[in-house]
PDB file of N, CA and C in Angstrom:
ATOM      1  N   UNK A   1     -20.233  -2.995   5.391  1.00  0.00           N
ATOM      2  CA  UNK A   1     -19.225  -3.473   6.316  1.00  0.00           C
ATOM      3  C   UNK A   1     -18.683  -2.280   7.123  1.00  0.00           C
ATOM      4  N   UNK A   2     -18.654  -2.418   8.415  1.00  0.00           N
ATOM      5  CA  UNK A   2     -18.150  -1.381   9.298  1.00  0.00           C
ATOM      6  C   UNK A   2     -16.624  -1.354   9.240  1.00  0.00           C
ATOM      7  N   UNK A   3     -16.029  -0.171   9.039  1.00  0.00           N
ATOM      8  CA  UNK A   3     -14.564  -0.125   8.979  1.00  0.00           C
ATOM      9  C   UNK A   3     -13.927  -0.466  10.318  1.00  0.00           C
ATOM     10  N   UNK A   4     -12.789  -1.115  10.262  1.00  0.00           N
ATOM     11  CA  UNK A   4     -12.045  -1.413  11.478  1.00  0.00           C
ATOM     12  C   UNK A   4     -11.439  -0.125  11.999  1.00  0.00           C
ATOM     13  N   UNK A   5     -11.531   0.070  13.300  1.00  0.00           N
ATOM     14  CA  UNK A   5     -10.894   1.207  13.958  1.00  0.00           C
ATOM     15  C   UNK A   5      -9.620   0.676  14.624  1.00  0.00           C
ATOM     16  N   UNK A   6      -8.507   1.308  14.297  1.00  0.00           N
ATOM     17  CA  UNK A   6      -7.197   0.857  14.751  1.00  0.00           C
ATOM     18  C   UNK A   6      -6.649   1.770  15.843  1.00  0.00           C
ATOM     19  N   UNK A   7      -6.130   1.174  16.896  1.00  0.00           N
ATOM     20  CA  UNK A   7      -5.287   1.936  17.813  1.00  0.00           C
ATOM     21  C   UNK A   7      -3.909   2.015  17.149  1.00  0.00           C
ATOM     22  N   UNK A   8      -3.086   2.933  17.581  1.00  0.00           N
ATOM     23  CA  UNK A   8      -1.738   3.028  17.026  1.00  0.00           C
ATOM     24  C   UNK A   8      -0.967   1.738  17.289  1.00  0.00           C
ATOM     25  N   UNK A   9      -1.164   1.155  18.460  1.00  0.00           N
ATOM     26  CA  UNK A   9      -0.471  -0.092  18.801  1.00  0.00           C
ATOM     27  C   UNK A   9      -0.893  -1.229  17.873  1.00  0.00           C
ATOM     28  N   UNK A  10      -2.196  -1.337  17.598  1.00  0.00           N
ATOM     29  CA  UNK A  10      -2.678  -2.386  16.693  1.00  0.00           C
ATOM     30  C   UNK A  10      -2.125  -2.193  15.281  1.00  0.00           C
ATOM     31  N   UNK A  11      -2.127  -0.956  14.824  1.00  0.00           N
ATOM     32  CA  UNK A  11      -1.605  -0.669  13.483  1.00  0.00           C
ATOM     33  C   UNK A  11      -0.127  -1.044  13.399  1.00  0.00           C
ATOM     34  N   UNK A  12       0.603  -0.714  14.441  1.00  0.00           N
ATOM     35  CA  UNK A  12       2.032  -1.050  14.440  1.00  0.00           C
ATOM     36  C   UNK A  12       2.268  -2.547  14.563  1.00  0.00           C
ATOM     37  N   UNK A  13       1.356  -3.270  15.196  1.00  0.00           N
ATOM     38  CA  UNK A  13       1.497  -4.729  15.297  1.00  0.00           C
ATOM     39  C   UNK A  13       1.356  -5.401  13.931  1.00  0.00           C
ATOM     40  N   UNK A  14       0.455  -4.901  13.108  1.00  0.00           N
ATOM     41  CA  UNK A  14       0.241  -5.524  11.796  1.00  0.00           C
ATOM     42  C   UNK A  14       1.166  -4.955  10.722  1.00  0.00           C
ATOM     43  N   UNK A  15       1.808  -3.847  11.004  1.00  0.00           N
ATOM     44  CA  UNK A  15       2.665  -3.212  10.006  1.00  0.00           C
ATOM     45  C   UNK A  15       3.731  -4.143   9.425  1.00  0.00           C
ATOM     46  N   UNK A  16       4.402  -4.985  10.202  1.00  0.00           N
ATOM     47  CA  UNK A  16       5.396  -5.873   9.575  1.00  0.00           C
ATOM     48  C   UNK A  16       4.809  -6.739   8.451  1.00  0.00           C
ATOM     49  N   UNK A  17       3.586  -7.205   8.614  1.00  0.00           N
ATOM     50  CA  UNK A  17       2.948  -7.997   7.559  1.00  0.00           C
ATOM     51  C   UNK A  17       2.596  -7.118   6.357  1.00  0.00           C
ATOM     52  N   UNK A  18       2.098  -5.917   6.608  1.00  0.00           N
ATOM     53  CA  UNK A  18       1.787  -4.991   5.516  1.00  0.00           C
ATOM     54  C   UNK A  18       3.077  -4.635   4.767  1.00  0.00           C
ATOM     55  N   UNK A  19       4.139  -4.395   5.507  1.00  0.00           N
ATOM     56  CA  UNK A  19       5.432  -4.091   4.870  1.00  0.00           C
ATOM     57  C   UNK A  19       5.938  -5.269   4.054  1.00  0.00           C
ATOM     58  N   UNK A  20       5.820  -6.482   4.578  1.00  0.00           N
ATOM     59  CA  UNK A  20       6.291  -7.676   3.874  1.00  0.00           C
ATOM     60  C   UNK A  20       5.560  -7.826   2.540  1.00  0.00           C
ATOM     61  N   UNK A  21       4.245  -7.752   2.587  1.00  0.00           N
ATOM     62  CA  UNK A  21       3.435  -7.891   1.377  1.00  0.00           C
ATOM     63  C   UNK A  21       3.737  -6.759   0.399  1.00  0.00           C
ATOM     64  N   UNK A  22       3.873  -5.551   0.914  1.00  0.00           N
ATOM     65  CA  UNK A  22       4.146  -4.397   0.061  1.00  0.00           C
ATOM     66  C   UNK A  22       5.534  -4.500  -0.560  1.00  0.00           C
ATOM     67  N   UNK A  23       6.536  -4.849   0.240  1.00  0.00           N
ATOM     68  CA  UNK A  23       7.897  -5.003  -0.296  1.00  0.00           C
ATOM     69  C   UNK A  23       7.934  -6.049  -1.400  1.00  0.00           C
ATOM     70  N   UNK A  24       7.299  -7.176  -1.152  1.00  0.00           N
ATOM     71  CA  UNK A  24       7.280  -8.258  -2.134  1.00  0.00           C
ATOM     72  C   UNK A  24       6.605  -7.804  -3.437  1.00  0.00           C
ATOM     73  N   UNK A  25       5.458  -7.168  -3.322  1.00  0.00           N
ATOM     74  CA  UNK A  25       4.726  -6.704  -4.504  1.00  0.00           C
ATOM     75  C   UNK A  25       5.482  -5.589  -5.219  1.00  0.00           C
ATOM     76  N   UNK A  26       6.060  -4.692  -4.462  1.00  0.00           N
ATOM     77  CA  UNK A  26       6.844  -3.597  -5.030  1.00  0.00           C
ATOM     78  C   UNK A  26       8.020  -4.155  -5.837  1.00  0.00           C
ATOM     79  N   UNK A  27       8.746  -5.095  -5.263  1.00  0.00           N
ATOM     80  CA  UNK A  27       9.907  -5.672  -5.941  1.00  0.00           C
ATOM     81  C   UNK A  27       9.502  -6.409  -7.214  1.00  0.00           C
ATOM     82  N   UNK A  28       8.438  -7.190  -7.145  1.00  0.00           N
ATOM     83  CA  UNK A  28       7.967  -7.915  -8.334  1.00  0.00           C
ATOM     84  C   UNK A  28       7.517  -6.945  -9.417  1.00  0.00           C
ATOM     85  N   UNK A  29       6.792  -5.902  -9.023  1.00  0.00           N
ATOM     86  CA  UNK A  29       6.300  -4.946 -10.022  1.00  0.00           C
ATOM     87  C   UNK A  29       7.460  -4.156 -10.630  1.00  0.00           C
ATOM     88  N   UNK A  30       8.473  -3.855  -9.834  1.00  0.00           N
ATOM     89  CA  UNK A  30       9.640  -3.137 -10.347  1.00  0.00           C
ATOM     90  C   UNK A  30      10.363  -3.966 -11.404  1.00  0.00           C
ATOM     91  N   UNK A  31      10.486  -5.269 -11.154  1.00  0.00           N
ATOM     92  CA  UNK A  31      11.128  -6.152 -12.131  1.00  0.00           C
ATOM     93  C   UNK A  31      10.369  -6.154 -13.455  1.00  0.00           C
ATOM     94  N   UNK A  32       9.061  -6.248 -13.375  1.00  0.00           N
ATOM     95  CA  UNK A  32       8.253  -6.276 -14.598  1.00  0.00           C
ATOM     96  C   UNK A  32       8.324  -4.929 -15.309  1.00  0.00           C
ATOM     97  N   UNK A  33       8.263  -3.848 -14.561  1.00  0.00           N
ATOM     98  CA  UNK A  33       8.371  -2.523 -15.172  1.00  0.00           C
ATOM     99  C   UNK A  33       9.700  -2.352 -15.908  1.00  0.00           C
ATOM    100  N   UNK A  34      10.774  -2.862 -15.328  1.00  0.00           N
ATOM    101  CA  UNK A  34      12.081  -2.779 -15.988  1.00  0.00           C
ATOM    102  C   UNK A  34      12.053  -3.506 -17.327  1.00  0.00           C
ATOM    103  N   UNK A  35      11.437  -4.672 -17.348  1.00  0.00           N
ATOM    104  CA  UNK A  35      11.320  -5.435 -18.593  1.00  0.00           C
ATOM    105  C   UNK A  35      10.493  -4.651 -19.609  1.00  0.00           C
ATOM    106  N   UNK A  36       9.357  -4.111 -19.165  1.00  0.00           N
ATOM    107  CA  UNK A  36       8.477  -3.383 -20.073  1.00  0.00           C
ATOM    108  C   UNK A  36       9.136  -2.124 -20.619  1.00  0.00           C
ATOM    109  N   UNK A  37       9.968  -1.481 -19.817  1.00  0.00           N
ATOM    110  CA  UNK A  37      10.609  -0.237 -20.241  1.00  0.00           C
ATOM    111  C   UNK A  37      11.875  -0.456 -21.076  1.00  0.00           C
ATOM    112  N   UNK A  38      12.514  -1.612 -20.928  1.00  0.00           N
ATOM    113  CA  UNK A  38      13.810  -1.798 -21.581  1.00  0.00           C
ATOM    114  C   UNK A  38      13.803  -2.826 -22.705  1.00  0.00           C
ATOM    115  N   UNK A  39      12.688  -3.487 -22.907  1.00  0.00           N
ATOM    116  CA  UNK A  39      12.644  -4.564 -23.888  1.00  0.00           C
ATOM    117  C   UNK A  39      11.485  -4.353 -24.851  1.00  0.00           C
ATOM    118  N   UNK A  40      11.748  -4.587 -26.107  1.00  0.00           N
ATOM    119  CA  UNK A  40      10.673  -4.577 -27.096  1.00  0.00           C
ATOM    120  C   UNK A  40      10.120  -5.995 -27.149  1.00  0.00           C
ATOM    121  N   UNK A  41       8.883  -6.125 -26.736  1.00  0.00           N
ATOM    122  CA  UNK A  41       8.238  -7.436 -26.684  1.00  0.00           C
ATOM    123  C   UNK A  41       7.213  -7.557 -27.795  1.00  0.00           C
ATOM    124  N   UNK A  42       6.959  -8.801 -28.176  1.00  0.00           N
ATOM    125  CA  UNK A  42       5.851  -9.028 -29.097  1.00  0.00           C
ATOM    126  C   UNK A  42       4.565  -8.646 -28.369  1.00  0.00           C
ATOM    127  N   UNK A  43       3.551  -8.297 -29.139  1.00  0.00           N
ATOM    128  CA  UNK A  43       2.307  -7.789 -28.553  1.00  0.00           C
ATOM    129  C   UNK A  43       1.744  -8.738 -27.491  1.00  0.00           C
ATOM    130  N   UNK A  44       1.735 -10.019 -27.776  1.00  0.00           N
ATOM    131  CA  UNK A  44       1.191 -10.990 -26.821  1.00  0.00           C
ATOM    132  C   UNK A  44       2.011 -11.007 -25.531  1.00  0.00           C
ATOM    133  N   UNK A  45       3.335 -10.973 -25.651  1.00  0.00           N
ATOM    134  CA  UNK A  45       4.198 -10.952 -24.474  1.00  0.00           C
ATOM    135  C   UNK A  45       4.010  -9.658 -23.677  1.00  0.00           C
ATOM    136  N   UNK A  46       3.877  -8.553 -24.394  1.00  0.00           N
ATOM    137  CA  UNK A  46       3.635  -7.259 -23.747  1.00  0.00           C
ATOM    138  C   UNK A  46       2.346  -7.304 -22.933  1.00  0.00           C
ATOM    139  N   UNK A  47       1.296  -7.820 -23.524  1.00  0.00           N
ATOM    140  CA  UNK A  47       0.010  -7.921 -22.832  1.00  0.00           C
ATOM    141  C   UNK A  47       0.100  -8.845 -21.615  1.00  0.00           C
ATOM    142  N   UNK A  48       0.834  -9.941 -21.755  1.00  0.00           N
ATOM    143  CA  UNK A  48       0.990 -10.866 -20.634  1.00  0.00           C
ATOM    144  C   UNK A  48       1.715 -10.200 -19.472  1.00  0.00           C
ATOM    145  N   UNK A  49       2.772  -9.453 -19.765  1.00  0.00           N
ATOM    146  CA  UNK A  49       3.515  -8.746 -18.713  1.00  0.00           C
ATOM    147  C   UNK A  49       2.639  -7.669 -18.063  1.00  0.00           C
ATOM    148  N   UNK A  50       1.873  -6.945 -18.874  1.00  0.00           N
ATOM    149  CA  UNK A  50       0.979  -5.930 -18.329  1.00  0.00           C
ATOM    150  C   UNK A  50      -0.102  -6.562 -17.450  1.00  0.00           C
ATOM    151  N   UNK A  51      -0.627  -7.717 -17.884  1.00  0.00           N
ATOM    152  CA  UNK A  51      -1.619  -8.439 -17.074  1.00  0.00           C
ATOM    153  C   UNK A  51      -0.999  -8.919 -15.767  1.00  0.00           C
ATOM    154  N   UNK A  52       0.239  -9.403 -15.841  1.00  0.00           N
ATOM    155  CA  UNK A  52       0.940  -9.860 -14.643  1.00  0.00           C
ATOM    156  C   UNK A  52       1.138  -8.708 -13.662  1.00  0.00           C
ATOM    157  N   UNK A  53       1.512  -7.568 -14.191  1.00  0.00           N
ATOM    158  CA  UNK A  53       1.688  -6.384 -13.352  1.00  0.00           C
ATOM    159  C   UNK A  53       0.369  -5.991 -12.693  1.00  0.00           C
ATOM    160  N   UNK A  54      -0.703  -5.985 -13.452  1.00  0.00           N
ATOM    161  CA  UNK A  54      -2.014  -5.643 -12.898  1.00  0.00           C
ATOM    162  C   UNK A  54      -2.420  -6.639 -11.812  1.00  0.00           C
ATOM    163  N   UNK A  55      -2.107  -7.916 -12.004  1.00  0.00           N
ATOM    164  CA  UNK A  55      -2.446  -8.934 -11.013  1.00  0.00           C
ATOM    165  C   UNK A  55      -1.652  -8.727  -9.727  1.00  0.00           C
ATOM    166  N   UNK A  56      -0.398  -8.358  -9.836  1.00  0.00           N
ATOM    167  CA  UNK A  56       0.420  -8.075  -8.651  1.00  0.00           C
ATOM    168  C   UNK A  56      -0.203  -6.943  -7.850  1.00  0.00           C
ATOM    169  N   UNK A  57      -0.596  -5.870  -8.530  1.00  0.00           N
ATOM    170  CA  UNK A  57      -1.193  -4.727  -7.840  1.00  0.00           C
ATOM    171  C   UNK A  57      -2.527  -5.102  -7.203  1.00  0.00           C
ATOM    172  N   UNK A  58      -3.314  -5.869  -7.900  1.00  0.00           N
ATOM    173  CA  UNK A  58      -4.606  -6.309  -7.368  1.00  0.00           C
ATOM    174  C   UNK A  58      -4.422  -7.216  -6.155  1.00  0.00           C
ATOM    175  N   UNK A  59      -3.492  -8.151  -6.253  1.00  0.00           N
ATOM    176  CA  UNK A  59      -3.215  -9.059  -5.130  1.00  0.00           C
ATOM    177  C   UNK A  59      -2.715  -8.277  -3.920  1.00  0.00           C
ATOM    178  N   UNK A  60      -1.848  -7.279  -4.158  1.00  0.00           N
ATOM    179  CA  UNK A  60      -1.362  -6.447  -3.054  1.00  0.00           C
ATOM    180  C   UNK A  60      -2.516  -5.736  -2.370  1.00  0.00           C
ATOM    181  N   UNK A  61      -3.359  -5.105  -3.159  1.00  0.00           N
ATOM    182  CA  UNK A  61      -4.489  -4.370  -2.580  1.00  0.00           C
ATOM    183  C   UNK A  61      -5.387  -5.295  -1.767  1.00  0.00           C
ATOM    184  N   UNK A  62      -5.677  -6.469  -2.278  1.00  0.00           N
ATOM    185  CA  UNK A  62      -6.543  -7.404  -1.552  1.00  0.00           C
ATOM    186  C   UNK A  62      -5.887  -7.870  -0.257  1.00  0.00           C
ATOM    187  N   UNK A  63      -4.586  -8.109  -0.282  1.00  0.00           N
ATOM    188  CA  UNK A  63      -3.875  -8.544   0.925  1.00  0.00           C
ATOM    189  C   UNK A  63      -3.883  -7.453   1.993  1.00  0.00           C
ATOM    190  N   UNK A  64      -3.838  -6.206   1.575  1.00  0.00           N
ATOM    191  CA  UNK A  64      -3.841  -5.083   2.507  1.00  0.00           C
ATOM    192  C   UNK A  64      -5.252  -4.834   3.052  1.00  0.00           C
ATOM    193  N   UNK A  65      -6.237  -4.957   2.194  1.00  0.00           N
ATOM    194  CA  UNK A  65      -7.631  -4.706   2.582  1.00  0.00           C
ATOM    195  C   UNK A  65      -8.168  -5.791   3.513  1.00  0.00           C
ATOM    196  N   UNK A  66      -7.739  -7.014   3.309  1.00  0.00           N
ATOM    197  CA  UNK A  66      -8.266  -8.160   4.063  1.00  0.00           C
ATOM    198  C   UNK A  66      -8.296  -7.929   5.575  1.00  0.00           C
ATOM    199  N   UNK A  67      -7.231  -7.420   6.212  1.00  0.00           N
ATOM    200  CA  UNK A  67      -7.296  -7.204   7.667  1.00  0.00           C
ATOM    201  C   UNK A  67      -7.969  -5.886   8.071  1.00  0.00           C
ATOM    202  N   UNK A  68      -8.433  -5.093   7.083  1.00  0.00           N
ATOM    203  CA  UNK A  68      -9.137  -3.869   7.415  1.00  0.00           C
ATOM    204  C   UNK A  68      -8.350  -2.590   7.200  1.00  0.00           C
ATOM    205  N   UNK A  69      -7.214  -2.696   6.528  1.00  0.00           N
ATOM    206  CA  UNK A  69      -6.398  -1.526   6.208  1.00  0.00           C
ATOM    207  C   UNK A  69      -6.928  -0.960   4.883  1.00  0.00           C
ATOM    208  N   UNK A  70      -6.861   0.344   4.705  1.00  0.00           N
ATOM    209  CA  UNK A  70      -7.374   0.982   3.504  1.00  0.00           C
ATOM    210  C   UNK A  70      -6.245   1.350   2.548  1.00  0.00           C
ATOM    211  N   UNK A  71      -6.414   0.985   1.287  1.00  0.00           N
ATOM    212  CA  UNK A  71      -5.468   1.369   0.243  1.00  0.00           C
ATOM    213  C   UNK A  71      -5.851   2.766  -0.224  1.00  0.00           C
ATOM    214  N   UNK A  72      -4.900   3.694  -0.184  1.00  0.00           N
ATOM    215  CA  UNK A  72      -5.168   5.074  -0.577  1.00  0.00           C
ATOM    216  C   UNK A  72      -4.419   5.482  -1.835  1.00  0.00           C
ATOM    217  N   UNK A  73      -3.517   4.654  -2.277  1.00  0.00           N
ATOM    218  CA  UNK A  73      -2.743   4.918  -3.484  1.00  0.00           C
ATOM    219  C   UNK A  73      -1.743   3.803  -3.661  1.00  0.00           C
ATOM    220  N   UNK A  74      -0.941   3.917  -4.671  1.00  0.00           N
ATOM    221  CA  UNK A  74       0.061   2.890  -4.926  1.00  0.00           C
ATOM    222  C   UNK A  74       1.093   2.889  -3.809  1.00  0.00           C
ATOM    223  N   UNK A  75       1.122   1.780  -3.066  1.00  0.00           N
ATOM    224  CA  UNK A  75       2.043   1.572  -1.947  1.00  0.00           C
ATOM    225  C   UNK A  75       1.767   2.546  -0.785  1.00  0.00           C
ATOM    226  N   UNK A  76       0.550   3.012  -0.684  1.00  0.00           N
ATOM    227  CA  UNK A  76       0.135   3.966   0.350  1.00  0.00           C
ATOM    228  C   UNK A  76      -1.113   3.436   1.031  1.00  0.00           C
ATOM    229  N   UNK A  77      -1.065   3.324   2.374  1.00  0.00           N
ATOM    230  CA  UNK A  77      -2.195   2.775   3.115  1.00  0.00           C
ATOM    231  C   UNK A  77      -2.528   3.643   4.320  1.00  0.00           C
ATOM    232  N   UNK A  78      -3.779   3.544   4.737  1.00  0.00           N
ATOM    233  CA  UNK A  78      -4.261   4.257   5.915  1.00  0.00           C
ATOM    234  C   UNK A  78      -4.926   3.282   6.867  1.00  0.00           C
ATOM    235  N   UNK A  79      -4.794   3.591   8.156  1.00  0.00           N
ATOM    236  CA  UNK A  79      -5.443   2.848   9.227  1.00  0.00           C
ATOM    237  C   UNK A  79      -6.431   3.800   9.899  1.00  0.00           C
ATOM    238  N   UNK A  80      -7.714   3.515   9.812  1.00  0.00           N
ATOM    239  CA  UNK A  80      -8.741   4.373  10.404  1.00  0.00           C
ATOM    240  C   UNK A  80      -8.608   4.332  11.921  1.00  0.00           C
ATOM    241  N   UNK A  81      -8.422   5.503  12.552  1.00  0.00           N
ATOM    242  CA  UNK A  81      -8.259   5.533  14.005  1.00  0.00           C
ATOM    243  C   UNK A  81      -9.484   6.101  14.728  1.00  0.00           C
ATOM    244  N   UNK A  82     -10.571   6.285  13.987  1.00  0.00           N
ATOM    245  CA  UNK A  82     -11.798   6.783  14.597  1.00  0.00           C
ATOM    246  C   UNK A  82     -11.962   8.284  14.519  1.00  0.00           C
ATOM    247  N   UNK A  83     -10.877   9.003  14.333  1.00  0.00           N
ATOM    248  CA  UNK A  83     -10.961  10.460  14.180  1.00  0.00           C
ATOM    249  C   UNK A  83     -10.144  10.937  12.974  1.00  0.00           C
ATOM    250  N   UNK A  84      -9.621  10.022  12.221  1.00  0.00           N
ATOM    251  CA  UNK A  84      -8.786  10.293  11.048  1.00  0.00           C
ATOM    252  C   UNK A  84      -8.040   9.023  10.690  1.00  0.00           C
ATOM    253  N   UNK A  85      -6.871   9.177  10.135  1.00  0.00           N
ATOM    254  CA  UNK A  85      -6.094   8.020   9.693  1.00  0.00           C
ATOM    255  C   UNK A  85      -4.648   8.103  10.152  1.00  0.00           C
ATOM    256  N   UNK A  86      -4.120   6.945  10.544  1.00  0.00           N
ATOM    257  CA  UNK A  86      -2.678   6.779  10.617  1.00  0.00           C
ATOM    258  C   UNK A  86      -2.256   6.439   9.189  1.00  0.00           C
ATOM    259  N   UNK A  87      -1.167   7.003   8.735  1.00  0.00           N
ATOM    260  CA  UNK A  87      -0.779   6.915   7.333  1.00  0.00           C
ATOM    261  C   UNK A  87       0.610   6.281   7.208  1.00  0.00           C
ATOM    262  N   UNK A  88       0.743   5.344   6.277  1.00  0.00           N
ATOM    263  CA  UNK A  88       2.035   4.707   6.021  1.00  0.00           C
ATOM    264  C   UNK A  88       2.195   4.522   4.521  1.00  0.00           C
ATOM    265  N   UNK A  89       3.422   4.723   4.037  1.00  0.00           N
ATOM    266  CA  UNK A  89       3.728   4.441   2.637  1.00  0.00           C
ATOM    267  C   UNK A  89       5.010   3.631   2.554  1.00  0.00           C
ATOM    268  N   UNK A  90       5.132   2.911   1.466  1.00  0.00           N
ATOM    269  CA  UNK A  90       6.303   2.070   1.243  1.00  0.00           C
ATOM    270  C   UNK A  90       7.571   2.891   1.413  1.00  0.00           C
ATOM    271  N   UNK A  91       8.532   2.309   2.109  1.00  0.00           N
ATOM    272  CA  UNK A  91       9.802   2.978   2.362  1.00  0.00           C
ATOM    273  C   UNK A  91       9.915   3.553   3.758  1.00  0.00           C
ATOM    274  N   UNK A  92       8.792   3.709   4.442  1.00  0.00           N
ATOM    275  CA  UNK A  92       8.818   4.195   5.825  1.00  0.00           C
ATOM    276  C   UNK A  92       8.938   2.995   6.756  1.00  0.00           C
ATOM    277  N   UNK A  93       9.722   3.148   7.822  1.00  0.00           N
ATOM    278  CA  UNK A  93       9.966   2.029   8.735  1.00  0.00           C
ATOM    279  C   UNK A  93       8.904   1.855   9.801  1.00  0.00           C
ATOM    280  N   UNK A  94       8.095   2.875  10.022  1.00  0.00           N
ATOM    281  CA  UNK A  94       7.107   2.835  11.096  1.00  0.00           C
ATOM    282  C   UNK A  94       5.922   3.708  10.687  1.00  0.00           C
ATOM    283  N   UNK A  95       4.867   3.630  11.448  1.00  0.00           N
ATOM    284  CA  UNK A  95       3.728   4.524  11.265  1.00  0.00           C
ATOM    285  C   UNK A  95       4.038   5.780  12.066  1.00  0.00           C
ATOM    286  N   UNK A  96       4.374   6.841  11.377  1.00  0.00           N
ATOM    287  CA  UNK A  96       4.818   8.069  12.022  1.00  0.00           C
ATOM    288  C   UNK A  96       3.909   9.259  11.744  1.00  0.00           C
ATOM    289  N   UNK A  97       2.933   9.092  10.829  1.00  0.00           N
ATOM    290  CA  UNK A  97       2.117  10.214  10.400  1.00  0.00           C
ATOM    291  C   UNK A  97       0.632   9.897  10.509  1.00  0.00           C
ATOM    292  N   UNK A  98      -0.153  10.967  10.603  1.00  0.00           N
ATOM    293  CA  UNK A  98      -1.603  10.852  10.609  1.00  0.00           C
ATOM    294  C   UNK A  98      -2.182  12.043   9.858  1.00  0.00           C
ATOM    295  N   UNK A  99      -3.448  11.912   9.488  1.00  0.00           N
ATOM    296  CA  UNK A  99      -4.155  13.025   8.846  1.00  0.00           C
ATOM    297  C   UNK A  99      -5.646  12.865   9.099  1.00  0.00           C
ATOM    298  N   UNK A 100      -6.374  13.946   8.861  1.00  0.00           N
ATOM    299  CA  UNK A 100      -7.819  13.935   9.075  1.00  0.00           C
ATOM    300  C   UNK A 100      -8.500  13.110   7.988  1.00  0.00           C
ATOM    301  N   UNK A 101      -9.785  12.850   8.183  1.00  0.00           N
ATOM    302  CA  UNK A 101     -10.543  12.145   7.149  1.00  0.00           C
ATOM    303  C   UNK A 101     -10.568  12.940   5.848  1.00  0.00           C
ATOM    304  N   UNK A 102     -10.666  14.245   5.944  1.00  0.00           N
ATOM    305  CA  UNK A 102     -10.777  15.082   4.757  1.00  0.00           C
ATOM    306  C   UNK A 102      -9.428  15.488   4.177  1.00  0.00           C
ATOM    307  N   UNK A 103      -8.386  15.460   4.992  1.00  0.00           N
ATOM    308  CA  UNK A 103      -7.112  16.034   4.589  1.00  0.00           C
ATOM    309  C   UNK A 103      -6.322  15.245   3.578  1.00  0.00           C
ATOM    310  N   UNK A 104      -6.167  13.974   3.772  1.00  0.00           N
ATOM    311  CA  UNK A 104      -5.383  13.167   2.856  1.00  0.00           C
ATOM    312  C   UNK A 104      -3.885  13.294   3.057  1.00  0.00           C
ATOM    313  N   UNK A 105      -3.148  12.606   2.193  1.00  0.00           N
ATOM    314  CA  UNK A 105      -1.698  12.500   2.299  1.00  0.00           C
ATOM    315  C   UNK A 105      -1.009  13.858   2.369  1.00  0.00           C
ATOM    316  N   UNK A 106      -1.459  14.818   1.602  1.00  0.00           N
ATOM    317  CA  UNK A 106      -0.807  16.125   1.533  1.00  0.00           C
ATOM    318  C   UNK A 106      -0.837  16.870   2.863  1.00  0.00           C
ATOM    319  N   UNK A 107      -1.780  16.498   3.729  1.00  0.00           N
ATOM    320  CA  UNK A 107      -1.914  17.213   5.012  1.00  0.00           C
ATOM    321  C   UNK A 107      -1.425  16.393   6.197  1.00  0.00           C
ATOM    322  N   UNK A 108      -0.788  15.290   5.931  1.00  0.00           N
ATOM    323  CA  UNK A 108      -0.390  14.454   7.059  1.00  0.00           C
ATOM    324  C   UNK A 108       0.644  15.158   7.929  1.00  0.00           C
ATOM    325  N   UNK A 109       0.586  14.834   9.220  1.00  0.00           N
ATOM    326  CA  UNK A 109       1.507  15.436  10.195  1.00  0.00           C
ATOM    327  C   UNK A 109       2.032  14.322  11.087  1.00  0.00           C
ATOM    328  N   UNK A 110       3.149  14.591  11.712  1.00  0.00           N
ATOM    329  CA  UNK A 110       3.756  13.605  12.609  1.00  0.00           C
ATOM    330  C   UNK A 110       2.832  13.303  13.778  1.00  0.00           C
ATOM    331  N   UNK A 111       2.764  12.052  14.132  1.00  0.00           N
ATOM    332  CA  UNK A 111       1.957  11.627  15.277  1.00  0.00           C
ATOM    333  C   UNK A 111       2.615  12.110  16.558  1.00  0.00           C
ATOM    334  N   UNK A 112       1.832  12.732  17.403  1.00  0.00           N
ATOM    335  CA  UNK A 112       2.327  13.164  18.715  1.00  0.00           C
ATOM    336  C   UNK A 112       1.981  12.068  19.717  1.00  0.00           C
ATOM    337  N   UNK A 113       3.007  11.437  20.251  1.00  0.00           N
ATOM    338  CA  UNK A 113       2.772  10.329  21.193  1.00  0.00           C
ATOM    339  C   UNK A 113       2.961  10.789  22.617  1.00  0.00           C
TER     340      UNK A 113
END
């Protein structure tokens, strides 16, 4: 499958949907993590909560991948722009950073518009 190449405008157009799905998944996973960290559960209940958490993460990744966005880490996504990636992570209000194909998150820099 050929990767989708995104213009900055296209990436920003779909960002509200990516943010919505990410916020929803983040909030659900945070609730489950709180339960797992603060409650002693029976083994079966513990496994069910862990499975539920894994399903949330899997569903999030699939929802992000479906339109052609790349999952690069937990709550971290990239939009292939043909010469590198526009980079967004949960908590950011806009796509403000980019990095090379080889560089990754640690080398991201502000987009010059």
